[in-house]
């Protein structure tokens, strides 16, 4: 791998890392500013509904929708376990 290629890859990692960090900071700021007087579990439920709607639009627009019943049992089990871990965190 050449030095130029290495620099490009590192630059790409850095910019995507900054992108992720920027939105993580926004999440924290919005949560602190906007959640006065609202139960945090209820706020998480509302945010989850918004996330489901946005992700549904993205998946549909990119034609990546899949029939869940066509996924392997192992995949379904780990998706459920992942969702439960996310909900518990």
Protein backbone atom coordinates (compact mmCIF):
# COMPACT_ATOMS: atom_id res chain seq x y z
CA UNK A 1 0.00 0.00 0.00
CA UNK A 2 1.40 3.38 -0.93
CA UNK A 3 1.68 6.34 1.37
CA UNK A 4 -0.88 8.23 -0.69
CA UNK A 5 -3.41 5.40 -0.33
CA UNK A 6 -2.75 5.20 3.40
CA UNK A 7 -3.33 8.93 3.78
CA UNK A 8 -6.61 8.72 1.86
CA UNK A 9 -7.85 5.88 4.04
CA UNK A 10 -6.89 7.68 7.23
CA UNK A 11 -8.51 10.86 6.01
CA UNK A 12 -11.71 8.91 5.31
CA UNK A 13 -11.68 7.36 8.77
CA UNK A 14 -11.09 10.73 10.37
CA UNK A 15 -13.91 12.46 8.54
CA UNK A 16 -16.42 9.69 9.26
CA UNK A 17 -15.25 9.64 12.88
CA UNK A 18 -15.84 13.38 13.14
CA UNK A 19 -19.26 12.91 11.54
CA UNK A 20 -20.20 10.29 14.13
CA UNK A 21 -18.81 12.36 17.00
CA UNK A 22 -20.71 15.44 15.79
CA UNK A 23 -24.05 13.63 15.79
CA UNK A 24 -23.31 11.93 19.12
CA UNK A 25 -22.71 15.38 20.59
CA UNK A 26 -25.98 16.62 19.10
CA UNK A 27 -27.85 13.71 20.67
CA UNK A 28 -26.42 14.59 24.08
CA UNK A 29 -27.17 18.30 23.68
CA UNK A 30 -30.73 17.76 22.47
CA UNK A 31 -31.38 15.26 25.26
CA UNK A 32 -30.19 17.70 27.93
CA UNK A 33 -31.96 20.75 26.54
CA UNK A 34 -35.24 19.23 25.44
CA UNK A 35 -36.10 16.73 28.14
CA UNK A 36 -37.06 18.97 31.03
CA UNK A 37 -40.09 17.52 32.79
CA UNK A 38 -40.29 14.42 30.55
CA UNK A 39 -39.68 10.89 31.78
CA UNK A 40 -36.53 9.56 30.11
CA UNK A 41 -38.13 6.20 29.24
CA UNK A 42 -41.04 7.95 27.53
CA UNK A 43 -38.62 10.22 25.65
CA UNK A 44 -36.67 7.15 24.51
CA UNK A 45 -39.90 5.58 23.26
CA UNK A 46 -40.75 8.69 21.22
CA UNK A 47 -37.21 8.88 19.79
CA UNK A 48 -37.45 5.21 18.86
CA UNK A 49 -40.64 5.84 16.88
CA UNK A 50 -38.89 8.63 14.97
CA UNK A 51 -35.87 6.41 14.30
CA UNK A 52 -38.13 3.59 13.03
CA UNK A 53 -39.88 5.98 10.64
CA UNK A 54 -36.63 7.47 9.30
CA UNK A 55 -34.92 4.10 8.90
CA UNK A 56 -38.03 2.71 7.22
CA UNK A 57 -37.88 5.51 4.67
CA UNK A 58 -34.15 4.92 4.06
CA UNK A 59 -34.54 1.15 3.68
CA UNK A 60 -37.51 1.56 1.34
CA UNK A 61 -35.82 4.30 -0.74
CA UNK A 62 -32.68 2.20 -1.21
CA UNK A 63 -34.76 -0.92 -2.03
CA UNK A 64 -33.15 -2.90 0.80
CA UNK A 65 -36.36 -4.14 2.39
CA UNK A 66 -36.24 -7.86 3.23
CA UNK A 67 -38.83 -10.33 4.41
CA UNK A 68 -37.94 -11.05 8.03
CA UNK A 69 -39.32 -14.58 7.67
CA UNK A 70 -36.67 -15.33 5.02
CA UNK A 71 -33.85 -14.61 7.48
CA UNK A 72 -32.22 -17.55 9.23
CA UNK A 73 -33.31 -18.47 12.73
CA UNK A 74 -29.84 -17.59 14.00
CA UNK A 75 -30.02 -14.13 12.45
CA UNK A 76 -33.48 -13.52 13.93
CA UNK A 77 -32.34 -14.65 17.38
CA UNK A 78 -29.34 -12.33 17.35
CA UNK A 79 -31.39 -9.42 16.05
CA UNK A 80 -33.84 -9.90 18.94
CA UNK A 81 -30.99 -10.24 21.45
CA UNK A 82 -29.39 -7.09 20.07
CA UNK A 83 -32.68 -5.22 20.36
CA UNK A 84 -33.16 -6.40 23.94
CA UNK A 85 -29.62 -5.31 24.85
CA UNK A 86 -30.25 -1.92 23.26
CA UNK A 87 -33.49 -1.52 25.18
CA UNK A 88 -31.82 -2.51 28.45
CA UNK A 89 -28.95 -0.05 28.02
